[in-house]
Full PDB file with SEQRES, HELIX, SHEET, SSBOND, CRYST1, ORIGX, SCALE, CONECT and MASTER records, all heavy atoms in Angstrom:
SEQRES   1 A   30  THR ARG ARG GLN TRP ALA ARG ARG LEU ARG SER ALA ARG          
SEQRES   2 A   30  PRO TRP LEU LEU ALA VAL GLY GLY VAL GLY LEU VAL ALA          
SEQRES   3 A   30  LEU ALA GLY TRP                                              
HELIX    1 AA1 ARG A    2  GLY A   29  1                                  28    
CRYST1    1.000    1.000    1.000  90.00  90.00  90.00 P 1           1          
ORIGX1      1.000000  0.000000  0.000000        0.00000                         
ORIGX2      0.000000  1.000000  0.000000        0.00000                         
ORIGX3      0.000000  0.000000  1.000000        0.00000                         
SCALE1      1.000000  0.000000  0.000000        0.00000                         
SCALE2      0.000000  1.000000  0.000000        0.00000                         
SCALE3      0.000000  0.000000  1.000000        0.00000                         
ATOM      1  N   THR A   1       0.838  -1.215   0.000  1.00  0.00           N  
ATOM      2  CA  THR A   1       0.000   0.000   0.000  1.00  0.00           C  
ATOM      3  C   THR A   1       0.867   1.257   0.000  1.00  0.00           C  
ATOM      4  O   THR A   1       0.601   2.230  -0.712  1.00  0.00           O  
ATOM      5  CB  THR A   1      -0.921   0.003   1.231  1.00  0.00           C  
ATOM      6  OG1 THR A   1      -1.750  -1.165   1.206  1.00  0.00           O  
ATOM      7  CG2 THR A   1      -1.806   1.250   1.253  1.00  0.00           C  
ATOM      8  N   ARG A   2       1.933   1.232   0.803  1.00  0.00           N  
ATOM      9  CA  ARG A   2       2.830   2.389   0.857  1.00  0.00           C  
ATOM     10  C   ARG A   2       3.502   2.634  -0.486  1.00  0.00           C  
ATOM     11  O   ARG A   2       3.666   3.779  -0.912  1.00  0.00           O  
ATOM     12  CB  ARG A   2       3.883   2.172   1.939  1.00  0.00           C  
ATOM     13  CG  ARG A   2       3.326   2.264   3.353  1.00  0.00           C  
ATOM     14  CD  ARG A   2       4.395   1.939   4.370  1.00  0.00           C  
ATOM     15  NE  ARG A   2       3.887   2.051   5.732  1.00  0.00           N  
ATOM     16  CZ  ARG A   2       4.558   1.702   6.813  1.00  0.00           C  
ATOM     17  NH1 ARG A   2       5.788   1.163   6.669  1.00  0.00           N  
ATOM     18  NH2 ARG A   2       4.022   1.830   8.015  1.00  0.00           N  
ATOM     19  N   ARG A   3       3.922   1.526  -1.148  1.00  0.00           N  
ATOM     20  CA  ARG A   3       4.562   1.684  -2.463  1.00  0.00           C  
ATOM     21  C   ARG A   3       3.579   2.273  -3.467  1.00  0.00           C  
ATOM     22  O   ARG A   3       3.933   3.088  -4.302  1.00  0.00           O  
ATOM     23  CB  ARG A   3       5.114   0.335  -2.943  1.00  0.00           C  
ATOM     24  CG  ARG A   3       6.367  -0.123  -2.204  1.00  0.00           C  
ATOM     25  CD  ARG A   3       7.075  -1.240  -2.973  1.00  0.00           C  
ATOM     26  NE  ARG A   3       6.253  -2.450  -3.039  1.00  0.00           N  
ATOM     27  CZ  ARG A   3       6.270  -3.414  -2.124  1.00  0.00           C  
ATOM     28  NH1 ARG A   3       7.080  -3.317  -1.074  1.00  0.00           N  
ATOM     29  NH2 ARG A   3       5.497  -4.481  -2.251  1.00  0.00           N  
ATOM     30  N   GLN A   4       2.309   1.803  -3.374  1.00  0.00           N  
ATOM     31  CA  GLN A   4       1.276   2.327  -4.274  1.00  0.00           C  
ATOM     32  C   GLN A   4       1.111   3.838  -4.105  1.00  0.00           C  
ATOM     33  O   GLN A   4       1.039   4.594  -5.067  1.00  0.00           O  
ATOM     34  CB  GLN A   4      -0.062   1.617  -3.985  1.00  0.00           C  
ATOM     35  CG  GLN A   4      -0.117   0.190  -4.461  1.00  0.00           C  
ATOM     36  CD  GLN A   4      -0.378   0.124  -5.955  1.00  0.00           C  
ATOM     37  OE1 GLN A   4       0.527   0.353  -6.775  1.00  0.00           O  
ATOM     38  NE2 GLN A   4      -1.623  -0.180  -6.314  1.00  0.00           N  
ATOM     39  N   TRP A   5       1.032   4.283  -2.834  1.00  0.00           N  
ATOM     40  CA  TRP A   5       0.869   5.719  -2.570  1.00  0.00           C  
ATOM     41  C   TRP A   5       2.109   6.506  -3.010  1.00  0.00           C  
ATOM     42  O   TRP A   5       1.998   7.628  -3.515  1.00  0.00           O  
ATOM     43  CB  TRP A   5       0.621   5.942  -1.073  1.00  0.00           C  
ATOM     44  CG  TRP A   5      -0.826   5.802  -0.693  1.00  0.00           C  
ATOM     45  CD1 TRP A   5      -1.404   4.792   0.001  1.00  0.00           C  
ATOM     46  CD2 TRP A   5      -1.870   6.711  -1.049  1.00  0.00           C  
ATOM     47  NE1 TRP A   5      -2.755   4.990   0.120  1.00  0.00           N  
ATOM     48  CE2 TRP A   5      -3.074   6.176  -0.526  1.00  0.00           C  
ATOM     49  CE3 TRP A   5      -1.925   7.896  -1.767  1.00  0.00           C  
ATOM     50  CZ2 TRP A   5      -4.298   6.798  -0.666  1.00  0.00           C  
ATOM     51  CZ3 TRP A   5      -3.154   8.528  -1.926  1.00  0.00           C  
ATOM     52  CH2 TRP A   5      -4.321   7.975  -1.384  1.00  0.00           C  
ATOM     53  N   ALA A   6       3.276   5.923  -2.838  1.00  0.00           N  
ATOM     54  CA  ALA A   6       4.505   6.615  -3.248  1.00  0.00           C  
ATOM     55  C   ALA A   6       4.520   6.831  -4.750  1.00  0.00           C  
ATOM     56  O   ALA A   6       4.903   7.896  -5.251  1.00  0.00           O  
ATOM     57  CB  ALA A   6       5.733   5.820  -2.805  1.00  0.00           C  
ATOM     58  N   ARG A   7       4.096   5.761  -5.505  1.00  0.00           N  
ATOM     59  CA  ARG A   7       4.067   5.910  -6.965  1.00  0.00           C  
ATOM     60  C   ARG A   7       3.052   6.975  -7.376  1.00  0.00           C  
ATOM     61  O   ARG A   7       3.286   7.764  -8.288  1.00  0.00           O  
ATOM     62  CB  ARG A   7       3.739   4.558  -7.604  1.00  0.00           C  
ATOM     63  CG  ARG A   7       4.908   3.584  -7.628  1.00  0.00           C  
ATOM     64  CD  ARG A   7       4.639   2.437  -8.596  1.00  0.00           C  
ATOM     65  NE  ARG A   7       3.498   1.628  -8.154  1.00  0.00           N  
ATOM     66  CZ  ARG A   7       3.613   0.572  -7.356  1.00  0.00           C  
ATOM     67  NH1 ARG A   7       4.806   0.209  -6.898  1.00  0.00           N  
ATOM     68  NH2 ARG A   7       2.539  -0.131  -7.007  1.00  0.00           N  
ATOM     69  N   ARG A   8       1.909   6.977  -6.718  1.00  0.00           N  
ATOM     70  CA  ARG A   8       0.884   7.966  -7.061  1.00  0.00           C  
ATOM     71  C   ARG A   8       1.357   9.402  -6.776  1.00  0.00           C  
ATOM     72  O   ARG A   8       1.095  10.319  -7.552  1.00  0.00           O  
ATOM     73  CB  ARG A   8      -0.398   7.677  -6.279  1.00  0.00           C  
ATOM     74  CG  ARG A   8      -1.109   6.416  -6.732  1.00  0.00           C  
ATOM     75  CD  ARG A   8      -2.262   6.084  -5.816  1.00  0.00           C  
ATOM     76  NE  ARG A   8      -2.901   4.829  -6.205  1.00  0.00           N  
ATOM     77  CZ  ARG A   8      -3.857   4.235  -5.496  1.00  0.00           C  
ATOM     78  NH1 ARG A   8      -4.274   4.787  -4.356  1.00  0.00           N  
ATOM     79  NH2 ARG A   8      -4.395   3.112  -5.932  1.00  0.00           N  
ATOM     80  N   LEU A   9       2.036   9.574  -5.636  1.00  0.00           N  
ATOM     81  CA  LEU A   9       2.534  10.910  -5.298  1.00  0.00           C  
ATOM     82  C   LEU A   9       3.594  11.382  -6.288  1.00  0.00           C  
ATOM     83  O   LEU A   9       3.630  12.545  -6.682  1.00  0.00           O  
ATOM     84  CB  LEU A   9       3.114  10.911  -3.876  1.00  0.00           C  
ATOM     85  CG  LEU A   9       2.094  10.847  -2.736  1.00  0.00           C  
ATOM     86  CD1 LEU A   9       2.797  10.708  -1.396  1.00  0.00           C  
ATOM     87  CD2 LEU A   9       1.218  12.113  -2.735  1.00  0.00           C  
ATOM     88  N   ARG A  10       4.482  10.424  -6.704  1.00  0.00           N  
ATOM     89  CA  ARG A  10       5.506  10.810  -7.687  1.00  0.00           C  
ATOM     90  C   ARG A  10       4.877  11.225  -8.994  1.00  0.00           C  
ATOM     91  O   ARG A  10       5.288  12.186  -9.631  1.00  0.00           O  
ATOM     92  CB  ARG A  10       6.491   9.653  -7.898  1.00  0.00           C  
ATOM     93  CG  ARG A  10       7.507   9.481  -6.771  1.00  0.00           C  
ATOM     94  CD  ARG A  10       8.676   8.608  -7.228  1.00  0.00           C  
ATOM     95  NE  ARG A  10       8.219   7.249  -7.540  1.00  0.00           N  
ATOM     96  CZ  ARG A  10       8.143   6.273  -6.658  1.00  0.00           C  
ATOM     97  NH1 ARG A  10       8.491   6.489  -5.392  1.00  0.00           N  
ATOM     98  NH2 ARG A  10       7.724   5.058  -7.016  1.00  0.00           N  
ATOM     99  N   SER A  11       3.869  10.500  -9.407  1.00  0.00           N  
ATOM    100  CA  SER A  11       3.224  10.843 -10.676  1.00  0.00           C  
ATOM    101  C   SER A  11       2.415  12.134 -10.568  1.00  0.00           C  
ATOM    102  O   SER A  11       2.240  12.861 -11.546  1.00  0.00           O  
ATOM    103  CB  SER A  11       2.325   9.687 -11.130  1.00  0.00           C  
ATOM    104  OG  SER A  11       1.298   9.454 -10.171  1.00  0.00           O  
ATOM    105  N   ALA A  12       1.907  12.410  -9.359  1.00  0.00           N  
ATOM    106  CA  ALA A  12       1.085  13.615  -9.185  1.00  0.00           C  
ATOM    107  C   ALA A  12       1.923  14.852  -8.859  1.00  0.00           C  
ATOM    108  O   ALA A  12       1.404  15.972  -8.886  1.00  0.00           O  
ATOM    109  CB  ALA A  12       0.065  13.388  -8.063  1.00  0.00           C  
ATOM    110  N   ARG A  13       3.227  14.670  -8.551  1.00  0.00           N  
ATOM    111  CA  ARG A  13       4.056  15.806  -8.132  1.00  0.00           C  
ATOM    112  C   ARG A  13       4.054  16.963  -9.122  1.00  0.00           C  
ATOM    113  O   ARG A  13       3.911  18.119  -8.717  1.00  0.00           O  
ATOM    114  CB  ARG A  13       5.481  15.320  -7.860  1.00  0.00           C  
ATOM    115  CG  ARG A  13       6.399  16.415  -7.322  1.00  0.00           C  
ATOM    116  CD  ARG A  13       7.759  15.849  -6.967  1.00  0.00           C  
ATOM    117  NE  ARG A  13       7.635  14.866  -5.894  1.00  0.00           N  
ATOM    118  CZ  ARG A  13       8.639  14.078  -5.512  1.00  0.00           C  
ATOM    119  NH1 ARG A  13       9.814  14.135  -6.139  1.00  0.00           N  
ATOM    120  NH2 ARG A  13       8.470  13.216  -4.529  1.00  0.00           N  
ATOM    121  N   PRO A  14       4.232  16.693 -10.441  1.00  0.00           N  
ATOM    122  CA  PRO A  14       4.210  17.831 -11.376  1.00  0.00           C  
ATOM    123  C   PRO A  14       2.915  18.621 -11.301  1.00  0.00           C  
ATOM    124  O   PRO A  14       2.918  19.858 -11.399  1.00  0.00           O  
ATOM    125  CB  PRO A  14       4.404  17.164 -12.744  1.00  0.00           C  
ATOM    126  CG  PRO A  14       5.089  15.869 -12.436  1.00  0.00           C  
ATOM    127  CD  PRO A  14       4.514  15.421 -11.136  1.00  0.00           C  
ATOM    128  N   TRP A  15       1.798  17.906 -11.143  1.00  0.00           N  
ATOM    129  CA  TRP A  15       0.510  18.596 -11.051  1.00  0.00           C  
ATOM    130  C   TRP A  15       0.408  19.399  -9.761  1.00  0.00           C  
ATOM    131  O   TRP A  15      -0.101  20.533  -9.766  1.00  0.00           O  
ATOM    132  CB  TRP A  15      -0.634  17.575 -11.129  1.00  0.00           C  
ATOM    133  CG  TRP A  15      -0.726  16.911 -12.455  1.00  0.00           C  
ATOM    134  CD1 TRP A  15      -0.263  15.688 -12.818  1.00  0.00           C  
ATOM    135  CD2 TRP A  15      -1.318  17.470 -13.631  1.00  0.00           C  
ATOM    136  NE1 TRP A  15      -0.514  15.425 -14.136  1.00  0.00           N  
ATOM    137  CE2 TRP A  15      -1.167  16.500 -14.665  1.00  0.00           C  
ATOM    138  CE3 TRP A  15      -1.962  18.679 -13.913  1.00  0.00           C  
ATOM    139  CZ2 TRP A  15      -1.639  16.725 -15.967  1.00  0.00           C  
ATOM    140  CZ3 TRP A  15      -2.436  18.903 -15.195  1.00  0.00           C  
ATOM    141  CH2 TRP A  15      -2.265  17.936 -16.214  1.00  0.00           C  
ATOM    142  N   LEU A  16       0.887  18.820  -8.680  1.00  0.00           N  
ATOM    143  CA  LEU A  16       0.845  19.546  -7.404  1.00  0.00           C  
ATOM    144  C   LEU A  16       1.704  20.814  -7.448  1.00  0.00           C  
ATOM    145  O   LEU A  16       1.310  21.869  -6.945  1.00  0.00           O  
ATOM    146  CB  LEU A  16       1.339  18.634  -6.274  1.00  0.00           C  
ATOM    147  CG  LEU A  16       0.435  17.450  -5.926  1.00  0.00           C  
ATOM    148  CD1 LEU A  16       1.114  16.539  -4.907  1.00  0.00           C  
ATOM    149  CD2 LEU A  16      -0.916  17.934  -5.387  1.00  0.00           C  
ATOM    150  N   LEU A  17       2.897  20.683  -8.070  1.00  0.00           N  
ATOM    151  CA  LEU A  17       3.767  21.852  -8.199  1.00  0.00           C  
ATOM    152  C   LEU A  17       3.122  22.925  -9.066  1.00  0.00           C  
ATOM    153  O   LEU A  17       3.209  24.125  -8.785  1.00  0.00           O  
ATOM    154  CB  LEU A  17       5.116  21.442  -8.782  1.00  0.00           C  
ATOM    155  CG  LEU A  17       6.005  20.577  -7.875  1.00  0.00           C  
ATOM    156  CD1 LEU A  17       7.260  20.128  -8.619  1.00  0.00           C  
ATOM    157  CD2 LEU A  17       6.389  21.349  -6.615  1.00  0.00           C  
ATOM    158  N   ALA A  18       2.481  22.479 -10.152  1.00  0.00           N  
ATOM    159  CA  ALA A  18       1.822  23.439 -11.043  1.00  0.00           C  
ATOM    160  C   ALA A  18       0.703  24.166 -10.323  1.00  0.00           C  
ATOM    161  O   ALA A  18       0.559  25.396 -10.417  1.00  0.00           O  
ATOM    162  CB  ALA A  18       1.285  22.718 -12.279  1.00  0.00           C  
ATOM    163  N   VAL A  19      -0.106  23.394  -9.584  1.00  0.00           N  
ATOM    164  CA  VAL A  19      -1.205  24.016  -8.833  1.00  0.00           C  
ATOM    165  C   VAL A  19      -0.663  24.976  -7.777  1.00  0.00           C  
ATOM    166  O   VAL A  19      -1.182  26.089  -7.581  1.00  0.00           O  
ATOM    167  CB  VAL A  19      -2.078  22.924  -8.179  1.00  0.00           C  
ATOM    168  CG1 VAL A  19      -3.083  23.554  -7.215  1.00  0.00           C  
ATOM    169  CG2 VAL A  19      -2.811  22.133  -9.251  1.00  0.00           C  
ATOM    170  N   GLY A  20       0.412  24.551  -7.086  1.00  0.00           N  
ATOM    171  CA  GLY A  20       1.018  25.430  -6.081  1.00  0.00           C  
ATOM    172  C   GLY A  20       1.552  26.699  -6.701  1.00  0.00           C  
ATOM    173  O   GLY A  20       1.413  27.791  -6.143  1.00  0.00           O  
ATOM    174  N   GLY A  21       2.193  26.575  -7.892  1.00  0.00           N  
ATOM    175  CA  GLY A  21       2.715  27.753  -8.567  1.00  0.00           C  
ATOM    176  C   GLY A  21       1.620  28.716  -8.955  1.00  0.00           C  
ATOM    177  O   GLY A  21       1.741  29.940  -8.784  1.00  0.00           O  
ATOM    178  N   VAL A  22       0.530  28.163  -9.476  1.00  0.00           N  
ATOM    179  CA  VAL A  22      -0.611  29.016  -9.847  1.00  0.00           C  
ATOM    180  C   VAL A  22      -1.151  29.734  -8.609  1.00  0.00           C  
ATOM    181  O   VAL A  22      -1.502  30.911  -8.646  1.00  0.00           O  
ATOM    182  CB  VAL A  22      -1.714  28.182 -10.529  1.00  0.00           C  
ATOM    183  CG1 VAL A  22      -2.985  28.996 -10.688  1.00  0.00           C  
ATOM    184  CG2 VAL A  22      -1.226  27.681 -11.878  1.00  0.00           C  
ATOM    185  N   GLY A  23      -1.195  28.995  -7.483  1.00  0.00           N  
ATOM    186  CA  GLY A  23      -1.692  29.596  -6.249  1.00  0.00           C  
ATOM    187  C   GLY A  23      -0.815  30.742  -5.781  1.00  0.00           C  
ATOM    188  O   GLY A  23      -1.309  31.785  -5.354  1.00  0.00           O  
ATOM    189  N   LEU A  24       0.503  30.554  -5.883  1.00  0.00           N  
ATOM    190  CA  LEU A  24       1.417  31.612  -5.477  1.00  0.00           C  
ATOM    191  C   LEU A  24       1.279  32.848  -6.366  1.00  0.00           C  
ATOM    192  O   LEU A  24       1.301  33.983  -5.899  1.00  0.00           O  
ATOM    193  CB  LEU A  24       2.865  31.106  -5.504  1.00  0.00           C  
ATOM    194  CG  LEU A  24       3.251  30.120  -4.403  1.00  0.00           C  
ATOM    195  CD1 LEU A  24       4.661  29.590  -4.635  1.00  0.00           C  
ATOM    196  CD2 LEU A  24       3.161  30.794  -3.036  1.00  0.00           C  
ATOM    197  N   VAL A  25       1.150  32.601  -7.675  1.00  0.00           N  
ATOM    198  CA  VAL A  25       0.963  33.723  -8.606  1.00  0.00           C  
ATOM    199  C   VAL A  25      -0.326  34.458  -8.293  1.00  0.00           C  
ATOM    200  O   VAL A  25      -0.384  35.690  -8.284  1.00  0.00           O  
ATOM    201  CB  VAL A  25       0.972  33.218 -10.064  1.00  0.00           C  
ATOM    202  CG1 VAL A  25       0.547  34.335 -11.017  1.00  0.00           C  
ATOM    203  CG2 VAL A  25       2.351  32.700 -10.437  1.00  0.00           C  
ATOM    204  N   ALA A  26      -1.379  33.690  -8.016  1.00  0.00           N  
ATOM    205  CA  ALA A  26      -2.660  34.311  -7.695  1.00  0.00           C  
ATOM    206  C   ALA A  26      -2.563  35.128  -6.412  1.00  0.00           C  
ATOM    207  O   ALA A  26      -3.090  36.240  -6.321  1.00  0.00           O  
ATOM    208  CB  ALA A  26      -3.740  33.239  -7.560  1.00  0.00           C  
ATOM    209  N   LEU A  27      -1.850  34.573  -5.412  1.00  0.00           N  
ATOM    210  CA  LEU A  27      -1.685  35.295  -4.153  1.00  0.00           C  
ATOM    211  C   LEU A  27      -0.886  36.575  -4.346  1.00  0.00           C  
ATOM    212  O   LEU A  27      -1.231  37.630  -3.822  1.00  0.00           O  
ATOM    213  CB  LEU A  27      -0.988  34.388  -3.136  1.00  0.00           C  
ATOM    214  CG  LEU A  27      -0.684  35.025  -1.763  1.00  0.00           C  
ATOM    215  CD1 LEU A  27      -1.988  35.436  -1.079  1.00  0.00           C  
ATOM    216  CD2 LEU A  27       0.107  34.053  -0.885  1.00  0.00           C  
ATOM    217  N   ALA A  28       0.212  36.474  -5.130  1.00  0.00           N  
ATOM    218  CA  ALA A  28       1.029  37.662  -5.390  1.00  0.00           C  
ATOM    219  C   ALA A  28       0.224  38.722  -6.126  1.00  0.00           C  
ATOM    220  O   ALA A  28       0.306  39.917  -5.832  1.00  0.00           O  
ATOM    221  CB  ALA A  28       2.269  37.276  -6.205  1.00  0.00           C  
ATOM    222  N   GLY A  29      -0.577  38.285  -7.097  1.00  0.00           N  
ATOM    223  CA  GLY A  29      -1.405  39.236  -7.828  1.00  0.00           C  
ATOM    224  C   GLY A  29      -2.430  39.893  -6.929  1.00  0.00           C  
ATOM    225  O   GLY A  29      -2.693  41.101  -7.035  1.00  0.00           O  
ATOM    226  N   TRP A  30      -2.980  39.091  -6.011  1.00  0.00           N  
ATOM    227  CA  TRP A  30      -3.962  39.657  -5.086  1.00  0.00           C  
ATOM    228  C   TRP A  30      -3.320  40.703  -4.177  1.00  0.00           C  
ATOM    229  O   TRP A  30      -3.860  41.776  -3.942  1.00  0.00           O  
ATOM    230  CB  TRP A  30      -4.565  38.526  -4.256  1.00  0.00           C  
ATOM    231  CG  TRP A  30      -5.595  39.011  -3.269  1.00  0.00           C  
ATOM    232  CD1 TRP A  30      -6.870  39.383  -3.517  1.00  0.00           C  
ATOM    233  CD2 TRP A  30      -5.391  39.179  -1.862  1.00  0.00           C  
ATOM    234  NE1 TRP A  30      -7.493  39.774  -2.360  1.00  0.00           N  
ATOM    235  CE2 TRP A  30      -6.607  39.652  -1.324  1.00  0.00           C  
ATOM    236  CE3 TRP A  30      -4.306  38.963  -1.011  1.00  0.00           C  
ATOM    237  CZ2 TRP A  30      -6.763  39.930   0.026  1.00  0.00           C  
ATOM    238  CZ3 TRP A  30      -4.467  39.233   0.339  1.00  0.00           C  
ATOM    239  CH2 TRP A  30      -5.682  39.707   0.840  1.00  0.00           C  
TER     240      TRP A  30                                                      
MASTER        0    0    0    1    0    0    0    6  239    1    0    3          
END                                                                             
């Protein structure tokens, strides 16, 4: 189960970083 979650997190990392970046840009703009 842990390996499964680790693989999912690795695959989702680019998306999480992108969402975080958008959030930071939105916050800075605000």
